[in-house]
């Protein structure tokens, strides 16, 4: 094979790769894929990961639980000392 033929094959391969990259479909959210924009304290419904006794929509108990986690469970200073 001569150099011109190799150059043509390389040019075609690069052009094909470039066209494949341009063929990506847009990734916009559609009406079926949109999640409602609700506050976190509204809850996840019935789930095994919901704290016992907490009812979805109870903002004050949600905030108290976050404060308790920050103070005791996730604060390394209070856990170690």
C-alpha atoms as a PDB file:
ATOM      1  CA  UNK A   1       0.000   0.000   0.000  1.00  0.00           C
ATOM      2  CA  UNK A   2       1.236   3.432  -0.761  1.00  0.00           C
ATOM      3  CA  UNK A   3       1.092   6.467   1.497  1.00  0.00           C
ATOM      4  CA  UNK A   4      -1.810   8.141  -0.292  1.00  0.00           C
ATOM      5  CA  UNK A   5      -3.983   5.085   0.189  1.00  0.00           C
ATOM      6  CA  UNK A   6      -3.140   4.953   3.933  1.00  0.00           C
ATOM      7  CA  UNK A   7      -3.849   8.670   4.217  1.00  0.00           C
ATOM      8  CA  UNK A   8      -7.250   8.209   2.560  1.00  0.00           C
ATOM      9  CA  UNK A   9      -8.157   5.313   4.867  1.00  0.00           C
ATOM     10  CA  UNK A  10      -7.089   7.291   7.935  1.00  0.00           C
ATOM     11  CA  UNK A  11      -9.037  10.338   6.740  1.00  0.00           C
ATOM     12  CA  UNK A  12     -12.183   8.257   6.204  1.00  0.00           C
ATOM     13  CA  UNK A  13     -11.807   6.606   9.623  1.00  0.00           C
ATOM     14  CA  UNK A  14     -11.404   9.958  11.384  1.00  0.00           C
ATOM     15  CA  UNK A  15     -14.355  11.398   9.462  1.00  0.00           C
ATOM     16  CA  UNK A  16     -16.555   8.425  10.373  1.00  0.00           C
ATOM     17  CA  UNK A  17     -15.607   8.718  14.051  1.00  0.00           C
ATOM     18  CA  UNK A  18     -16.377  12.426  13.958  1.00  0.00           C
ATOM     19  CA  UNK A  19     -19.801  11.827  12.401  1.00  0.00           C
ATOM     20  CA  UNK A  20     -20.640   9.166  14.977  1.00  0.00           C
ATOM     21  CA  UNK A  21     -19.854  11.657  17.750  1.00  0.00           C
ATOM     22  CA  UNK A  22     -22.178  14.219  16.202  1.00  0.00           C
ATOM     23  CA  UNK A  23     -25.029  11.725  16.066  1.00  0.00           C
ATOM     24  CA  UNK A  24     -25.666  11.688  19.808  1.00  0.00           C
ATOM     25  CA  UNK A  25     -29.273  12.349  20.658  1.00  0.00           C
ATOM     26  CA  UNK A  26     -30.076  15.244  23.033  1.00  0.00           C
ATOM     27  CA  UNK A  27     -30.567  14.300  26.676  1.00  0.00           C
ATOM     28  CA  UNK A  28     -33.387  16.627  27.664  1.00  0.00           C
ATOM     29  CA  UNK A  29     -35.918  15.633  30.275  1.00  0.00           C
ATOM     30  CA  UNK A  30     -39.297  14.784  28.892  1.00  0.00           C
ATOM     31  CA  UNK A  31     -42.644  14.977  30.623  1.00  0.00           C
ATOM     32  CA  UNK A  32     -42.432  11.297  31.578  1.00  0.00           C
ATOM     33  CA  UNK A  33     -38.939  11.645  33.073  1.00  0.00           C
ATOM     34  CA  UNK A  34     -39.406  14.796  35.141  1.00  0.00           C
ATOM     35  CA  UNK A  35     -39.386  14.313  38.868  1.00  0.00           C
ATOM     36  CA  UNK A  36     -41.520  16.709  40.911  1.00  0.00           C
ATOM     37  CA  UNK A  37     -39.533  19.390  42.664  1.00  0.00           C
ATOM     38  CA  UNK A  38     -40.693  18.811  46.232  1.00  0.00           C
ATOM     39  CA  UNK A  39     -38.862  19.650  49.459  1.00  0.00           C
ATOM     40  CA  UNK A  40     -36.964  16.827  51.171  1.00  0.00           C
ATOM     41  CA  UNK A  41     -39.185  16.904  54.246  1.00  0.00           C
ATOM     42  CA  UNK A  42     -42.153  15.854  52.104  1.00  0.00           C
ATOM     43  CA  UNK A  43     -40.681  12.365  52.216  1.00  0.00           C
ATOM     44  CA  UNK A  44     -40.314   9.341  50.022  1.00  0.00           C
ATOM     45  CA  UNK A  45     -43.593   7.705  50.929  1.00  0.00           C
ATOM     46  CA  UNK A  46     -43.539   4.223  52.416  1.00  0.00           C
ATOM     47  CA  UNK A  47     -39.913   3.190  52.608  1.00  0.00           C
ATOM     48  CA  UNK A  48     -37.770   1.093  54.903  1.00  0.00           C
ATOM     49  CA  UNK A  49     -35.318   3.989  55.145  1.00  0.00           C
ATOM     50  CA  UNK A  50     -37.766   6.432  56.737  1.00  0.00           C
ATOM     51  CA  UNK A  51     -37.240   7.067  60.441  1.00  0.00           C
ATOM     52  CA  UNK A  52     -39.882   5.391  62.599  1.00  0.00           C
ATOM     53  CA  UNK A  53     -42.487   7.817  63.859  1.00  0.00           C
ATOM     54  CA  UNK A  54     -41.813  10.456  61.219  1.00  0.00           C
ATOM     55  CA  UNK A  55     -44.658  11.423  58.924  1.00  0.00           C
ATOM     56  CA  UNK A  56     -43.992  12.877  55.461  1.00  0.00           C
ATOM     57  CA  UNK A  57     -44.661  16.619  55.451  1.00  0.00           C
ATOM     58  CA  UNK A  58     -43.657  17.190  59.096  1.00  0.00           C
ATOM     59  CA  UNK A  59     -40.963  19.818  58.602  1.00  0.00           C
ATOM     60  CA  UNK A  60     -40.137  20.421  62.265  1.00  0.00           C
ATOM     61  CA  UNK A  61     -39.420  16.761  63.010  1.00  0.00           C
ATOM     62  CA  UNK A  62     -37.360  16.565  59.787  1.00  0.00           C
ATOM     63  CA  UNK A  63     -35.208  19.499  60.919  1.00  0.00           C
ATOM     64  CA  UNK A  64     -34.825  18.032  64.431  1.00  0.00           C
ATOM     65  CA  UNK A  65     -33.663  14.734  62.950  1.00  0.00           C
ATOM     66  CA  UNK A  66     -31.075  16.508  60.797  1.00  0.00           C
ATOM     67  CA  UNK A  67     -29.776  18.425  63.810  1.00  0.00           C
ATOM     68  CA  UNK A  68     -29.541  15.202  65.829  1.00  0.00           C
ATOM     69  CA  UNK A  69     -27.610  13.463  63.038  1.00  0.00           C
ATOM     70  CA  UNK A  70     -25.214  16.376  62.744  1.00  0.00           C
ATOM     71  CA  UNK A  71     -24.659  16.529  66.502  1.00  0.00           C
ATOM     72  CA  UNK A  72     -24.247  12.837  67.300  1.00  0.00           C
ATOM     73  CA  UNK A  73     -23.913  10.589  64.280  1.00  0.00           C
ATOM     74  CA  UNK A  74     -21.910  12.574  61.760  1.00  0.00           C
ATOM     75  CA  UNK A  75     -19.792  14.792  63.985  1.00  0.00           C
ATOM     76  CA  UNK A  76     -16.396  13.108  64.404  1.00  0.00           C
ATOM     77  CA  UNK A  77     -15.402  15.417  67.243  1.00  0.00           C
ATOM     78  CA  UNK A  78     -18.263  14.284  69.485  1.00  0.00           C
ATOM     79  CA  UNK A  79     -17.824  10.634  68.498  1.00  0.00           C
ATOM     80  CA  UNK A  80     -14.106  10.473  69.300  1.00  0.00           C
ATOM     81  CA  UNK A  81     -13.872  12.710  72.380  1.00  0.00           C
END
